[in-house]
C-alpha cells in the first residue's frame, strides 16, 4: 500500500464514521469506517517503513558504486 492509499482509506473511513447518518440493515457503517481508518493508518505506517528501507538500500548502493569507481581509477603517470 502506498502513502496515498493509506490516506485515502483514512479519509473514506472518517467520512463513513463521522459524516454519514445512513443506516444499512445488517451493516454498521460506523464500524466499517473505523476498520477502514485502522487499515489506512497501518498501511501508512508500513509505507513509511518501506520508504525508509528503500532509501537506505539506495544510499548503500550509491556508496558502494562510489567506492568501486575510486578503486578503478588508475594512478597518474610519473614523469
C-alpha atoms as a PDB file:
ATOM      1  CA  UNK A   1       0.000   0.000   0.000  1.00  0.00           C
ATOM      2  CA  UNK A   2       1.269   3.447  -0.836  1.00  0.00           C
ATOM      3  CA  UNK A   3       1.131   6.585   1.242  1.00  0.00           C
ATOM      4  CA  UNK A   4      -1.725   7.918  -0.893  1.00  0.00           C
ATOM      5  CA  UNK A   5      -3.651   4.662  -0.457  1.00  0.00           C
ATOM      6  CA  UNK A   6      -3.329   4.866   3.315  1.00  0.00           C
ATOM      7  CA  UNK A   7      -4.517   8.462   3.366  1.00  0.00           C
ATOM      8  CA  UNK A   8      -7.436   7.551   1.087  1.00  0.00           C
ATOM      9  CA  UNK A   9      -8.544   4.737   3.405  1.00  0.00           C
ATOM     10  CA  UNK A  10      -8.342   7.020   6.420  1.00  0.00           C
ATOM     11  CA  UNK A  11     -10.391   9.694   4.649  1.00  0.00           C
ATOM     12  CA  UNK A  12     -13.079   7.272   3.452  1.00  0.00           C
ATOM     13  CA  UNK A  13     -13.278   5.693   6.911  1.00  0.00           C
ATOM     14  CA  UNK A  14     -13.622   9.089   8.567  1.00  0.00           C
ATOM     15  CA  UNK A  15     -16.391  10.052   6.172  1.00  0.00           C
ATOM     16  CA  UNK A  16     -18.267   6.821   6.864  1.00  0.00           C
ATOM     17  CA  UNK A  17     -17.829   7.180  10.625  1.00  0.00           C
ATOM     18  CA  UNK A  18     -18.382  10.865  11.253  1.00  0.00           C
ATOM     19  CA  UNK A  19     -20.205  12.359   8.253  1.00  0.00           C
ATOM     20  CA  UNK A  20     -22.962   9.894   7.401  1.00  0.00           C
ATOM     21  CA  UNK A  21     -26.295   9.236   9.039  1.00  0.00           C
ATOM     22  CA  UNK A  22     -27.247   6.353   6.771  1.00  0.00           C
ATOM     23  CA  UNK A  23     -28.421   3.135   8.380  1.00  0.00           C
ATOM     24  CA  UNK A  24     -27.993  -0.098   6.439  1.00  0.00           C
ATOM     25  CA  UNK A  25     -29.666  -3.203   7.777  1.00  0.00           C
ATOM     26  CA  UNK A  26     -27.081  -5.753   8.913  1.00  0.00           C
ATOM     27  CA  UNK A  27     -24.080  -3.426   8.465  1.00  0.00           C
ATOM     28  CA  UNK A  28     -22.784  -0.805  10.857  1.00  0.00           C
ATOM     29  CA  UNK A  29     -21.191   1.907   8.738  1.00  0.00           C
ATOM     30  CA  UNK A  30     -19.530   3.320  11.850  1.00  0.00           C
ATOM     31  CA  UNK A  31     -17.665   0.056  12.420  1.00  0.00           C
ATOM     32  CA  UNK A  32     -16.763  -0.198   8.718  1.00  0.00           C
ATOM     33  CA  UNK A  33     -15.394   3.354   8.910  1.00  0.00           C
ATOM     34  CA  UNK A  34     -13.294   2.571  11.987  1.00  0.00           C
ATOM     35  CA  UNK A  35     -11.942  -0.550  10.293  1.00  0.00           C
ATOM     36  CA  UNK A  36     -11.013   1.433   7.186  1.00  0.00           C
ATOM     37  CA  UNK A  37      -9.297   4.093   9.289  1.00  0.00           C
ATOM     38  CA  UNK A  38      -7.316   1.450  11.177  1.00  0.00           C
ATOM     39  CA  UNK A  39      -6.300  -0.267   7.935  1.00  0.00           C
ATOM     40  CA  UNK A  40      -5.303   3.080   6.444  1.00  0.00           C
ATOM     41  CA  UNK A  41      -3.227   4.003   9.489  1.00  0.00           C
ATOM     42  CA  UNK A  42      -1.484   0.624   9.452  1.00  0.00           C
ATOM     43  CA  UNK A  43      -0.826   0.937   5.724  1.00  0.00           C
ATOM     44  CA  UNK A  44       0.510   4.455   6.191  1.00  0.00           C
ATOM     45  CA  UNK A  45       2.947   3.349   8.905  1.00  0.00           C
ATOM     46  CA  UNK A  46       4.088   0.363   6.852  1.00  0.00           C
ATOM     47  CA  UNK A  47       4.609   2.509   3.765  1.00  0.00           C
ATOM     48  CA  UNK A  48       6.806   4.896   5.777  1.00  0.00           C
ATOM     49  CA  UNK A  49       8.914   1.942   6.967  1.00  0.00           C
ATOM     50  CA  UNK A  50       9.154   0.617   3.415  1.00  0.00           C
ATOM     51  CA  UNK A  51      10.229   4.026   2.135  1.00  0.00           C
ATOM     52  CA  UNK A  52      12.919   4.246   4.825  1.00  0.00           C
ATOM     53  CA  UNK A  53      14.229   0.779   3.959  1.00  0.00           C
ATOM     54  CA  UNK A  54      14.385   1.521   0.226  1.00  0.00           C
ATOM     55  CA  UNK A  55      16.091   4.865   0.868  1.00  0.00           C
ATOM     56  CA  UNK A  56      18.735   3.136   2.998  1.00  0.00           C
ATOM     57  CA  UNK A  57      19.315   0.468   0.331  1.00  0.00           C
ATOM     58  CA  UNK A  58      19.642   3.128  -2.353  1.00  0.00           C
ATOM     59  CA  UNK A  59      22.133   5.078  -0.243  1.00  0.00           C
ATOM     60  CA  UNK A  60      24.232   1.937   0.355  1.00  0.00           C
ATOM     61  CA  UNK A  61      24.185   1.108  -3.361  1.00  0.00           C
ATOM     62  CA  UNK A  62      25.354   4.632  -4.251  1.00  0.00           C
ATOM     63  CA  UNK A  63      28.143   4.495  -1.675  1.00  0.00           C
ATOM     64  CA  UNK A  64      29.293   1.104  -2.963  1.00  0.00           C
ATOM     65  CA  UNK A  65      29.323   2.423  -6.537  1.00  0.00           C
ATOM     66  CA  UNK A  66      31.382   5.448  -5.463  1.00  0.00           C
ATOM     67  CA  UNK A  67      33.904   3.221  -3.683  1.00  0.00           C
ATOM     68  CA  UNK A  68      34.122   0.952  -6.736  1.00  0.00           C
ATOM     69  CA  UNK A  69      34.748   3.958  -9.011  1.00  0.00           C
ATOM     70  CA  UNK A  70      37.550   5.179  -6.750  1.00  0.00           C
ATOM     71  CA  UNK A  71      39.219   1.776  -6.879  1.00  0.00           C
ATOM     72  CA  UNK A  72      39.147   1.634 -10.669  1.00  0.00           C
ATOM     73  CA  UNK A  73      40.843   4.994 -11.205  1.00  0.00           C
ATOM     74  CA  UNK A  74      44.446   4.346 -12.252  1.00  0.00           C
ATOM     75  CA  UNK A  75      47.171   6.357 -10.550  1.00  0.00           C
ATOM     76  CA  UNK A  76      48.596   9.308 -12.518  1.00  0.00           C
ATOM     77  CA  UNK A  77      51.731   8.584 -14.568  1.00  0.00           C
ATOM     78  CA  UNK A  78      55.088   9.504 -13.038  1.00  0.00           C
ATOM     79  CA  UNK A  79      57.478  11.664 -15.038  1.00  0.00           C
END
